[in-house]
Amino acid sequence: MKTMQQFVLFALAAVLLAACTPPAANAPSNANANSANANANVATTKPAVPTAEALTALETKAIEAWKNKDTKFWDTFLADNFVSIGPDGKRMSKADVVKMMANDKCENKSYSFSDQHVTPVGADAAVITMKVDSDYTCNGQKGPSPAITASLYERSGNEWNLASASIPTTTRLRSSTIGW
């Protein structure tokens, strides 16, 4: 009987101790709610879709890099999953473009952009369409101008990378360009 009493007392003590938990924090409960709301606001804040001016600036950097045969620019500017269809209909990956830029036989004398329009594609992508007037040659052939281009940019962290570019044209060049 004495063993039974000890067991019951031990079980009762275990239940009572389990029910007593220390306080989670020494702050008022509304402070925890405010902290949770602040964290929720931080988590849902997304950078804005880039403006036409911001994407045009990126397009300008790309053309300048093309003019100057700056292959290092393309390695960081193009998204890892980059794909493009050039004026000759050839599909090109990031590696293809970087290689092409190193061996490019093009000369770009001048260019200008107009009629830029940005269309958001979700929170982390945007398409810019524009008219490009340019005076360039590739392998001695004059490039098409004007041309309507479309470039798809995707957000990678705080940077915008070119994911795809195209230039619809009926003129076919021997040396493909990436969209200008």
N, C-alpha and C. Protein backbone atom coordinates (compact mmCIF):
# COMPACT_ATOMS: atom_id res chain seq x y z
N MET A 1 0.82 -1.19 0.00
CA MET A 1 0.00 0.00 0.00
C MET A 1 0.87 1.25 0.00
N LYS A 2 1.96 1.20 0.79
CA LYS A 2 2.84 2.35 0.86
C LYS A 2 3.46 2.61 -0.51
N THR A 3 3.78 1.57 -1.27
CA THR A 3 4.35 1.72 -2.60
C THR A 3 3.34 2.37 -3.53
N MET A 4 2.08 2.00 -3.38
CA MET A 4 1.03 2.58 -4.22
C MET A 4 0.87 4.07 -3.93
N GLN A 5 0.92 4.47 -2.69
CA GLN A 5 0.82 5.88 -2.32
C GLN A 5 2.00 6.67 -2.91
N GLN A 6 3.17 6.10 -2.84
CA GLN A 6 4.34 6.78 -3.38
C GLN A 6 4.21 6.96 -4.90
N PHE A 7 3.70 5.93 -5.57
CA PHE A 7 3.53 6.00 -7.02
C PHE A 7 2.52 7.09 -7.39
N VAL A 8 1.38 7.15 -6.66
CA VAL A 8 0.35 8.15 -6.93
C VAL A 8 0.91 9.55 -6.67
N LEU A 9 1.62 9.74 -5.59
CA LEU A 9 2.20 11.05 -5.29
C LEU A 9 3.23 11.45 -6.36
N PHE A 10 4.05 10.50 -6.77
CA PHE A 10 5.05 10.77 -7.81
C PHE A 10 4.37 11.15 -9.13
N ALA A 11 3.30 10.43 -9.52
CA ALA A 11 2.58 10.73 -10.75
C ALA A 11 1.92 12.10 -10.67
N LEU A 12 1.32 12.42 -9.50
CA LEU A 12 0.67 13.72 -9.31
C LEU A 12 1.72 14.84 -9.39
N ALA A 13 2.87 14.65 -8.79
CA ALA A 13 3.93 15.65 -8.83
C ALA A 13 4.42 15.85 -10.28
N ALA A 14 4.53 14.77 -11.03
CA ALA A 14 4.98 14.86 -12.42
C ALA A 14 3.98 15.65 -13.26
N VAL A 15 2.69 15.41 -13.06
CA VAL A 15 1.66 16.14 -13.80
C VAL A 15 1.69 17.62 -13.45
N LEU A 16 1.82 17.92 -12.16
CA LEU A 16 1.85 19.32 -11.74
C LEU A 16 3.10 20.04 -12.28
N LEU A 17 4.23 19.39 -12.24
CA LEU A 17 5.45 20.00 -12.76
C LEU A 17 5.37 20.22 -14.28
N ALA A 18 4.78 19.31 -14.98
CA ALA A 18 4.64 19.44 -16.43
C ALA A 18 3.73 20.61 -16.79
N ALA A 19 2.76 20.88 -15.96
CA ALA A 19 1.82 21.96 -16.23
C ALA A 19 2.44 23.33 -15.97
N CYS A 20 3.50 23.38 -15.20
CA CYS A 20 4.15 24.64 -14.87
C CYS A 20 5.28 24.90 -15.87
N THR A 21 5.03 25.77 -16.83
CA THR A 21 6.08 26.12 -17.79
C THR A 21 6.52 27.55 -17.52
N PRO A 22 7.78 27.85 -17.72
CA PRO A 22 8.24 29.22 -17.50
C PRO A 22 7.67 30.16 -18.56
N PRO A 23 7.61 31.46 -18.28
CA PRO A 23 7.11 32.42 -19.28
C PRO A 23 8.03 32.44 -20.49
N ALA A 24 7.46 32.65 -21.69
CA ALA A 24 8.22 32.65 -22.93
C ALA A 24 9.19 33.83 -22.99
N ALA A 25 8.79 34.98 -22.51
CA ALA A 25 9.66 36.16 -22.54
C ALA A 25 9.21 37.11 -21.46
N ASN A 26 10.04 38.08 -21.14
CA ASN A 26 9.69 39.06 -20.12
C ASN A 26 9.11 40.32 -20.74
N ALA A 27 8.60 40.22 -21.97
CA ALA A 27 8.01 41.37 -22.64
C ALA A 27 6.50 41.23 -22.64
N PRO A 28 5.79 42.35 -22.69
CA PRO A 28 4.33 42.28 -22.76
C PRO A 28 3.91 41.55 -24.03
N SER A 29 2.74 40.92 -23.99
CA SER A 29 2.30 40.11 -25.13
C SER A 29 2.09 40.95 -26.39
N ASN A 30 1.69 42.22 -26.27
CA ASN A 30 1.50 43.04 -27.47
C ASN A 30 2.83 43.36 -28.14
N ALA A 31 3.95 43.34 -27.41
CA ALA A 31 5.27 43.57 -28.02
C ALA A 31 5.59 42.42 -28.96
N ASN A 32 5.25 41.19 -28.54
CA ASN A 32 5.47 40.04 -29.42
C ASN A 32 4.63 40.17 -30.69
N ALA A 33 3.41 40.64 -30.55
CA ALA A 33 2.56 40.81 -31.73
C ALA A 33 3.12 41.87 -32.66
N ASN A 34 3.60 42.99 -32.08
CA ASN A 34 4.20 44.04 -32.91
C ASN A 34 5.44 43.53 -33.62
N SER A 35 6.24 42.75 -32.92
CA SER A 35 7.45 42.18 -33.53
C SER A 35 7.07 41.26 -34.68
N ALA A 36 6.05 40.44 -34.49
CA ALA A 36 5.61 39.54 -35.56
C ALA A 36 5.12 40.33 -36.76
N ASN A 37 4.37 41.42 -36.50
CA ASN A 37 3.89 42.24 -37.62
C ASN A 37 5.04 42.89 -38.35
N ALA A 38 6.04 43.37 -37.62
CA ALA A 38 7.19 44.00 -38.27
C ALA A 38 7.92 42.99 -39.14
N ASN A 39 8.09 41.77 -38.63
CA ASN A 39 8.75 40.73 -39.42
C ASN A 39 7.92 40.38 -40.65
N ALA A 40 6.61 40.34 -40.51
CA ALA A 40 5.74 40.03 -41.65
C ALA A 40 5.87 41.11 -42.71
N ASN A 41 5.94 42.38 -42.28
CA ASN A 41 6.07 43.47 -43.25
C ASN A 41 7.40 43.40 -43.99
N VAL A 42 8.45 43.05 -43.32
CA VAL A 42 9.76 42.94 -43.96
C VAL A 42 9.75 41.80 -44.97
N ALA A 43 9.14 40.69 -44.61
CA ALA A 43 9.14 39.52 -45.48
C ALA A 43 8.33 39.76 -46.75
N THR A 44 7.29 40.57 -46.69
CA THR A 44 6.44 40.75 -47.86
C THR A 44 6.86 41.93 -48.73
N THR A 45 7.81 42.74 -48.28
CA THR A 45 8.24 43.89 -49.07
C THR A 45 9.11 43.42 -50.22
N LYS A 46 8.69 43.73 -51.43
CA LYS A 46 9.44 43.36 -52.64
C LYS A 46 9.89 44.63 -53.34
N PRO A 47 11.10 44.62 -53.91
CA PRO A 47 11.51 45.77 -54.71
C PRO A 47 10.56 45.96 -55.89
N ALA A 48 10.43 47.17 -56.31
CA ALA A 48 9.52 47.49 -57.41
C ALA A 48 10.06 46.96 -58.73
N VAL A 49 9.15 46.77 -59.66
CA VAL A 49 9.53 46.40 -61.03
C VAL A 49 10.34 47.56 -61.59
N PRO A 50 11.38 47.30 -62.35
CA PRO A 50 12.21 48.39 -62.86
C PRO A 50 11.44 49.27 -63.83
N THR A 51 11.86 50.51 -63.90
CA THR A 51 11.24 51.47 -64.81
C THR A 51 11.80 51.29 -66.21
N ALA A 52 11.14 51.90 -67.18
CA ALA A 52 11.65 51.88 -68.56
C ALA A 52 13.03 52.52 -68.61
N GLU A 53 13.23 53.57 -67.82
CA GLU A 53 14.54 54.24 -67.79
C GLU A 53 15.63 53.31 -67.27
N ALA A 54 15.33 52.55 -66.21
CA ALA A 54 16.31 51.64 -65.63
C ALA A 54 16.67 50.52 -66.61
N LEU A 55 15.68 49.95 -67.27
CA LEU A 55 15.96 48.87 -68.23
C LEU A 55 16.63 49.42 -69.49
N THR A 56 16.27 50.62 -69.90
CA THR A 56 16.95 51.25 -71.05
C THR A 56 18.42 51.47 -70.72
N ALA A 57 18.72 51.84 -69.48
CA ALA A 57 20.12 52.01 -69.07
C ALA A 57 20.87 50.69 -69.17
N LEU A 58 20.22 49.59 -68.79
CA LEU A 58 20.85 48.27 -68.92
C LEU A 58 21.07 47.91 -70.39
N GLU A 59 20.08 48.23 -71.23
CA GLU A 59 20.21 47.96 -72.67
C GLU A 59 21.36 48.79 -73.26
N THR A 60 21.50 50.02 -72.79
CA THR A 60 22.60 50.89 -73.25
C THR A 60 23.95 50.29 -72.86
N LYS A 61 24.06 49.81 -71.61
CA LYS A 61 25.30 49.16 -71.17
C LYS A 61 25.61 47.94 -72.04
N ALA A 62 24.56 47.21 -72.40
CA ALA A 62 24.76 46.01 -73.23
C ALA A 62 25.29 46.38 -74.61
N ILE A 63 24.73 47.41 -75.22
CA ILE A 63 25.20 47.81 -76.54
C ILE A 63 26.63 48.35 -76.46
N GLU A 64 26.92 49.11 -75.42
CA GLU A 64 28.29 49.61 -75.25
C GLU A 64 29.27 48.45 -75.07
N ALA A 65 28.88 47.45 -74.31
CA ALA A 65 29.74 46.27 -74.12
C ALA A 65 29.93 45.54 -75.45
N TRP A 66 28.86 45.46 -76.25
CA TRP A 66 28.95 44.83 -77.57
C TRP A 66 29.91 45.62 -78.46
N LYS A 67 29.74 46.95 -78.47
CA LYS A 67 30.62 47.82 -79.28
C LYS A 67 32.08 47.65 -78.87
N ASN A 68 32.32 47.55 -77.56
CA ASN A 68 33.68 47.50 -77.04
C ASN A 68 34.22 46.07 -76.88
N LYS A 69 33.44 45.09 -77.31
CA LYS A 69 33.83 43.68 -77.24
C LYS A 69 34.21 43.28 -75.81
N ASP A 70 33.42 43.73 -74.86
CA ASP A 70 33.63 43.47 -73.43
C ASP A 70 32.95 42.16 -73.04
N THR A 71 33.66 41.05 -73.19
CA THR A 71 33.06 39.74 -72.91
C THR A 71 32.81 39.52 -71.42
N LYS A 72 33.57 40.16 -70.54
CA LYS A 72 33.35 40.01 -69.10
C LYS A 72 31.97 40.54 -68.70
N PHE A 73 31.54 41.61 -69.36
CA PHE A 73 30.21 42.17 -69.08
C PHE A 73 29.13 41.12 -69.31
N TRP A 74 29.21 40.41 -70.42
CA TRP A 74 28.17 39.45 -70.79
C TRP A 74 28.09 38.29 -69.81
N ASP A 75 29.22 37.91 -69.26
CA ASP A 75 29.24 36.79 -68.33
C ASP A 75 28.46 37.09 -67.06
N THR A 76 28.43 38.35 -66.64
CA THR A 76 27.68 38.72 -65.43
C THR A 76 26.30 39.29 -65.75
N PHE A 77 26.12 39.87 -66.93
CA PHE A 77 24.86 40.51 -67.30
C PHE A 77 23.79 39.49 -67.70
N LEU A 78 24.20 38.43 -68.38
CA LEU A 78 23.24 37.43 -68.84
C LEU A 78 22.89 36.47 -67.71
N ALA A 79 21.60 36.14 -67.61
CA ALA A 79 21.16 35.14 -66.63
C ALA A 79 21.75 33.79 -67.00
N ASP A 80 21.95 32.95 -66.01
CA ASP A 80 22.53 31.62 -66.29
C ASP A 80 21.65 30.81 -67.24
N ASN A 81 20.34 31.04 -67.20
CA ASN A 81 19.42 30.31 -68.08
C ASN A 81 19.05 31.12 -69.33
N PHE A 82 19.90 32.08 -69.71
CA PHE A 82 19.65 32.94 -70.87
C PHE A 82 19.41 32.11 -72.12
N VAL A 83 18.48 32.57 -72.94
CA VAL A 83 18.24 31.99 -74.26
C VAL A 83 17.77 33.10 -75.19
N SER A 84 18.20 33.03 -76.44
CA SER A 84 17.83 34.04 -77.42
C SER A 84 17.68 33.39 -78.78
N ILE A 85 16.84 33.99 -79.59
CA ILE A 85 16.72 33.61 -80.99
C ILE A 85 17.19 34.81 -81.80
N GLY A 86 18.30 34.65 -82.52
CA GLY A 86 18.86 35.75 -83.29
C GLY A 86 18.12 35.97 -84.58
N PRO A 87 18.49 37.01 -85.32
CA PRO A 87 17.83 37.32 -86.59
C PRO A 87 17.93 36.18 -87.61
N ASP A 88 18.94 35.32 -87.45
CA ASP A 88 19.09 34.19 -88.37
C ASP A 88 18.29 32.97 -87.92
N GLY A 89 17.54 33.10 -86.81
CA GLY A 89 16.71 32.00 -86.32
C GLY A 89 17.45 31.03 -85.42
N LYS A 90 18.72 31.27 -85.15
CA LYS A 90 19.53 30.36 -84.34
C LYS A 90 19.27 30.60 -82.85
N ARG A 91 19.07 29.49 -82.10
CA ARG A 91 18.91 29.56 -80.64
C ARG A 91 20.30 29.71 -80.02
N MET A 92 20.40 30.63 -79.06
CA MET A 92 21.69 30.89 -78.43
C MET A 92 21.56 30.86 -76.91
N SER A 93 22.51 30.20 -76.25
CA SER A 93 22.57 30.16 -74.79
C SER A 93 23.53 31.24 -74.30
N LYS A 94 23.67 31.36 -72.99
CA LYS A 94 24.62 32.31 -72.41
C LYS A 94 26.03 32.01 -72.91
N ALA A 95 26.43 30.76 -72.88
CA ALA A 95 27.78 30.38 -73.34
C ALA A 95 27.97 30.73 -74.81
N ASP A 96 26.94 30.52 -75.64
CA ASP A 96 27.03 30.87 -77.07
C ASP A 96 27.25 32.37 -77.26
N VAL A 97 26.53 33.17 -76.49
CA VAL A 97 26.63 34.63 -76.64
C VAL A 97 28.00 35.12 -76.18
N VAL A 98 28.48 34.63 -75.05
CA VAL A 98 29.78 35.06 -74.55
C VAL A 98 30.86 34.69 -75.58
N LYS A 99 30.78 33.49 -76.14
CA LYS A 99 31.74 33.06 -77.17
C LYS A 99 31.62 33.93 -78.42
N MET A 100 30.38 34.20 -78.84
CA MET A 100 30.15 35.01 -80.03
C MET A 100 30.73 36.42 -79.85
N MET A 101 30.53 36.99 -78.67
CA MET A 101 31.01 38.34 -78.43
C MET A 101 32.54 38.41 -78.53
N ALA A 102 33.20 37.35 -78.13
CA ALA A 102 34.66 37.32 -78.20
C ALA A 102 35.15 37.28 -79.65
N ASN A 103 34.37 36.67 -80.55
CA ASN A 103 34.77 36.50 -81.95
C ASN A 103 33.97 37.35 -82.93
N ASP A 104 33.20 38.25 -82.40
CA ASP A 104 32.28 39.08 -83.18
C ASP A 104 33.02 39.92 -84.24
N LYS A 105 32.43 39.98 -85.43
CA LYS A 105 32.99 40.80 -86.53
C LYS A 105 32.01 41.93 -86.87
N CYS A 106 31.49 42.55 -85.82
CA CYS A 106 30.50 43.61 -86.01
C CYS A 106 31.09 44.97 -85.61
N GLU A 107 30.56 46.00 -86.27
CA GLU A 107 30.94 47.37 -85.94
C GLU A 107 29.66 48.17 -85.77
N ASN A 108 29.51 48.78 -84.60
CA ASN A 108 28.33 49.57 -84.29
C ASN A 108 28.73 51.03 -84.26
N LYS A 109 28.21 51.79 -85.21
CA LYS A 109 28.56 53.21 -85.31
C LYS A 109 27.64 54.08 -84.45
N SER A 110 26.36 53.76 -84.42
CA SER A 110 25.43 54.57 -83.63
C SER A 110 24.16 53.77 -83.36
N TYR A 111 23.42 54.23 -82.34
CA TYR A 111 22.14 53.60 -82.00
C TYR A 111 21.31 54.58 -81.18
N SER A 112 20.02 54.36 -81.19
CA SER A 112 19.11 55.13 -80.32
C SER A 112 17.89 54.29 -80.04
N PHE A 113 17.27 54.55 -78.89
CA PHE A 113 16.07 53.83 -78.47
C PHE A 113 14.88 54.79 -78.46
N SER A 114 13.70 54.24 -78.74
CA SER A 114 12.47 55.02 -78.59
C SER A 114 11.32 54.06 -78.33
N ASP A 115 10.20 54.61 -77.91
CA ASP A 115 8.97 53.86 -77.68
C ASP A 115 9.15 52.70 -76.68
N GLN A 116 9.92 52.93 -75.63
CA GLN A 116 10.12 51.90 -74.62
C GLN A 116 8.84 51.66 -73.82
N HIS A 117 8.57 50.39 -73.58
CA HIS A 117 7.41 50.01 -72.78
C HIS A 117 7.79 48.80 -71.92
N VAL A 118 7.55 48.90 -70.60
CA VAL A 118 7.87 47.81 -69.68
C VAL A 118 6.58 47.12 -69.26
N THR A 119 6.59 45.79 -69.31
CA THR A 119 5.48 44.97 -68.85
C THR A 119 5.98 44.05 -67.75
N PRO A 120 5.48 44.20 -66.51
CA PRO A 120 5.88 43.28 -65.44
C PRO A 120 5.38 41.87 -65.73
N VAL A 121 6.19 40.89 -65.38
CA VAL A 121 5.82 39.48 -65.52
C VAL A 121 6.02 38.87 -64.14
N GLY A 122 5.05 39.02 -63.27
CA GLY A 122 5.21 38.60 -61.89
C GLY A 122 6.06 39.60 -61.13
N ALA A 123 6.53 39.18 -59.95
CA ALA A 123 7.29 40.09 -59.08
C ALA A 123 8.76 40.16 -59.45
N ASP A 124 9.27 39.15 -60.15
CA ASP A 124 10.71 39.07 -60.39
C ASP A 124 11.11 39.03 -61.86
N ALA A 125 10.24 39.52 -62.72
CA ALA A 125 10.58 39.55 -64.15
C ALA A 125 9.84 40.70 -64.82
N ALA A 126 10.44 41.19 -65.91
CA ALA A 126 9.83 42.28 -66.68
C ALA A 126 10.34 42.20 -68.12
N VAL A 127 9.46 42.59 -69.04
CA VAL A 127 9.81 42.64 -70.45
C VAL A 127 9.84 44.09 -70.87
N ILE A 128 10.89 44.47 -71.59
CA ILE A 128 10.93 45.81 -72.18
C ILE A 128 10.92 45.63 -73.69
N THR A 129 10.00 46.34 -74.33
CA THR A 129 9.95 46.38 -75.79
C THR A 129 10.31 47.79 -76.20
N MET A 130 10.96 47.90 -77.35
CA MET A 130 11.35 49.24 -77.82
C MET A 130 11.71 49.18 -79.29
N LYS A 131 11.77 50.35 -79.87
CA LYS A 131 12.26 50.52 -81.23
C LYS A 131 13.73 50.90 -81.13
N VAL A 132 14.57 50.23 -81.91
CA VAL A 132 16.00 50.53 -81.92
C VAL A 132 16.39 50.95 -83.33
N ASP A 133 16.90 52.17 -83.43
CA ASP A 133 17.48 52.66 -84.68
C ASP A 133 18.98 52.54 -84.52
N SER A 134 19.64 51.84 -85.46
CA SER A 134 21.08 51.67 -85.32
C SER A 134 21.76 51.62 -86.68
N ASP A 135 23.03 51.94 -86.64
CA ASP A 135 23.87 51.87 -87.84
C ASP A 135 25.01 50.93 -87.49
N TYR A 136 24.86 49.66 -87.89
CA TYR A 136 25.91 48.69 -87.61
C TYR A 136 26.05 47.71 -88.77
N THR A 137 27.20 47.08 -88.81
CA THR A 137 27.46 46.04 -89.82
C THR A 137 28.04 44.83 -89.11
N CYS A 138 27.73 43.66 -89.63
CA CYS A 138 28.32 42.40 -89.18
C CYS A 138 28.80 41.66 -90.42
N ASN A 139 30.07 41.31 -90.43
CA ASN A 139 30.68 40.64 -91.60
C ASN A 139 30.44 41.42 -92.87
N GLY A 140 30.49 42.75 -92.77
CA GLY A 140 30.34 43.61 -93.94
C GLY A 140 28.91 43.85 -94.36
N GLN A 141 27.94 43.21 -93.72
CA GLN A 141 26.53 43.41 -94.07
C GLN A 141 25.89 44.37 -93.08
N LYS A 142 25.12 45.31 -93.63
CA LYS A 142 24.42 46.28 -92.79
C LYS A 142 23.32 45.56 -92.01
N GLY A 143 23.24 45.89 -90.73
CA GLY A 143 22.20 45.30 -89.87
C GLY A 143 20.86 45.97 -90.09
N PRO A 144 19.76 45.28 -89.71
CA PRO A 144 18.42 45.84 -89.89
C PRO A 144 18.18 47.02 -88.96
N SER A 145 17.56 48.05 -89.52
CA SER A 145 17.21 49.22 -88.72
C SER A 145 16.10 49.96 -89.44
N PRO A 146 15.09 50.41 -88.73
CA PRO A 146 14.87 50.20 -87.31
C PRO A 146 14.40 48.77 -87.04
N ALA A 147 14.43 48.39 -85.77
CA ALA A 147 13.97 47.07 -85.35
C ALA A 147 13.19 47.22 -84.06
N ILE A 148 12.23 46.35 -83.88
CA ILE A 148 11.48 46.30 -82.63
C ILE A 148 12.07 45.13 -81.83
N THR A 149 12.54 45.42 -80.62
CA THR A 149 13.17 44.39 -79.81
C THR A 149 12.34 44.10 -78.57
N ALA A 150 12.54 42.92 -78.02
CA ALA A 150 11.93 42.53 -76.75
C ALA A 150 13.00 41.86 -75.91
N SER A 151 13.16 42.34 -74.69
CA SER A 151 14.15 41.78 -73.77
C SER A 151 13.45 41.42 -72.47
N LEU A 152 13.68 40.19 -72.03
CA LEU A 152 13.12 39.70 -70.77
C LEU A 152 14.20 39.76 -69.70
N TYR A 153 13.92 40.49 -68.63
CA TYR A 153 14.85 40.59 -67.50
C TYR A 153 14.26 39.83 -66.32
N GLU A 154 15.17 39.19 -65.55
CA GLU A 154 14.75 38.53 -64.32
C GLU A 154 15.59 39.02 -63.16
N ARG A 155 14.93 39.10 -62.00
CA ARG A 155 15.61 39.57 -60.80
C ARG A 155 16.41 38.43 -60.21
N SER A 156 17.67 38.72 -59.87
CA SER A 156 18.53 37.78 -59.16
C SER A 156 19.11 38.55 -57.98
N GLY A 157 18.51 38.37 -56.81
CA GLY A 157 18.89 39.19 -55.66
C GLY A 157 18.44 40.62 -55.91
N ASN A 158 19.38 41.56 -55.92
CA ASN A 158 19.07 42.96 -56.19
C ASN A 158 19.41 43.37 -57.61
N GLU A 159 19.89 42.44 -58.41
CA GLU A 159 20.30 42.72 -59.78
C GLU A 159 19.25 42.25 -60.78
N TRP A 160 19.21 42.90 -61.92
CA TRP A 160 18.36 42.46 -63.03
C TRP A 160 19.28 41.91 -64.11
N ASN A 161 19.01 40.66 -64.52
CA ASN A 161 19.82 40.01 -65.54
C ASN A 161 18.97 39.75 -66.77
N LEU A 162 19.62 39.81 -67.93
CA LEU A 162 18.93 39.54 -69.18
C LEU A 162 18.72 38.03 -69.31
N ALA A 163 17.45 37.62 -69.39
CA ALA A 163 17.11 36.20 -69.49
C ALA A 163 16.83 35.79 -70.93
N SER A 164 16.36 36.73 -71.75
CA SER A 164 16.08 36.42 -73.14
C SER A 164 15.98 37.72 -73.93
N ALA A 165 16.37 37.63 -75.20
CA ALA A 165 16.27 38.80 -76.08
C ALA A 165 15.96 38.32 -77.48
N SER A 166 15.19 39.12 -78.20
CA SER A 166 14.88 38.75 -79.58
C SER A 166 14.71 40.00 -80.42
N ILE A 167 14.90 39.82 -81.73
CA ILE A 167 14.69 40.90 -82.67
C ILE A 167 14.03 40.30 -83.91
N PRO A 168 12.75 40.56 -84.10
CA PRO A 168 12.10 40.03 -85.30
C PRO A 168 12.54 40.81 -86.53
N THR A 169 12.96 40.12 -87.54
CA THR A 169 13.40 40.79 -88.76
C THR A 169 13.33 39.82 -89.92
N THR A 170 13.20 40.35 -91.09
CA THR A 170 13.25 39.50 -92.28
C THR A 170 14.65 39.47 -92.86
N THR A 171 15.50 40.40 -92.42
CA THR A 171 16.88 40.43 -92.88
C THR A 171 17.67 39.40 -92.10
N ARG A 172 18.42 38.57 -92.79
CA ARG A 172 19.23 37.56 -92.12
C ARG A 172 20.70 37.92 -92.27
N LEU A 173 21.41 37.87 -91.16
CA LEU A 173 22.82 38.19 -91.16
C LEU A 173 23.64 36.91 -91.07
N ARG A 174 24.84 36.93 -91.60
CA ARG A 174 25.72 35.77 -91.45
C ARG A 174 26.18 35.63 -90.02
N SER A 175 26.38 36.73 -89.32
CA SER A 175 26.79 36.68 -87.92
C SER A 175 25.59 37.13 -87.08
N SER A 176 25.09 36.24 -86.25
CA SER A 176 23.91 36.54 -85.45
C SER A 176 24.25 37.56 -84.37
N THR A 177 23.29 38.43 -84.07
CA THR A 177 23.43 39.34 -82.93
C THR A 177 22.45 38.87 -81.88
N ILE A 178 22.54 39.40 -80.70
CA ILE A 178 21.66 38.91 -79.62
C ILE A 178 20.39 39.73 -79.48
N GLY A 179 20.07 40.52 -80.42
CA GLY A 179 18.78 41.20 -80.31
C GLY A 179 18.83 42.67 -80.65
N TRP A 180 19.98 43.18 -81.08
CA TRP A 180 20.00 44.60 -81.41
C TRP A 180 20.31 44.80 -82.85
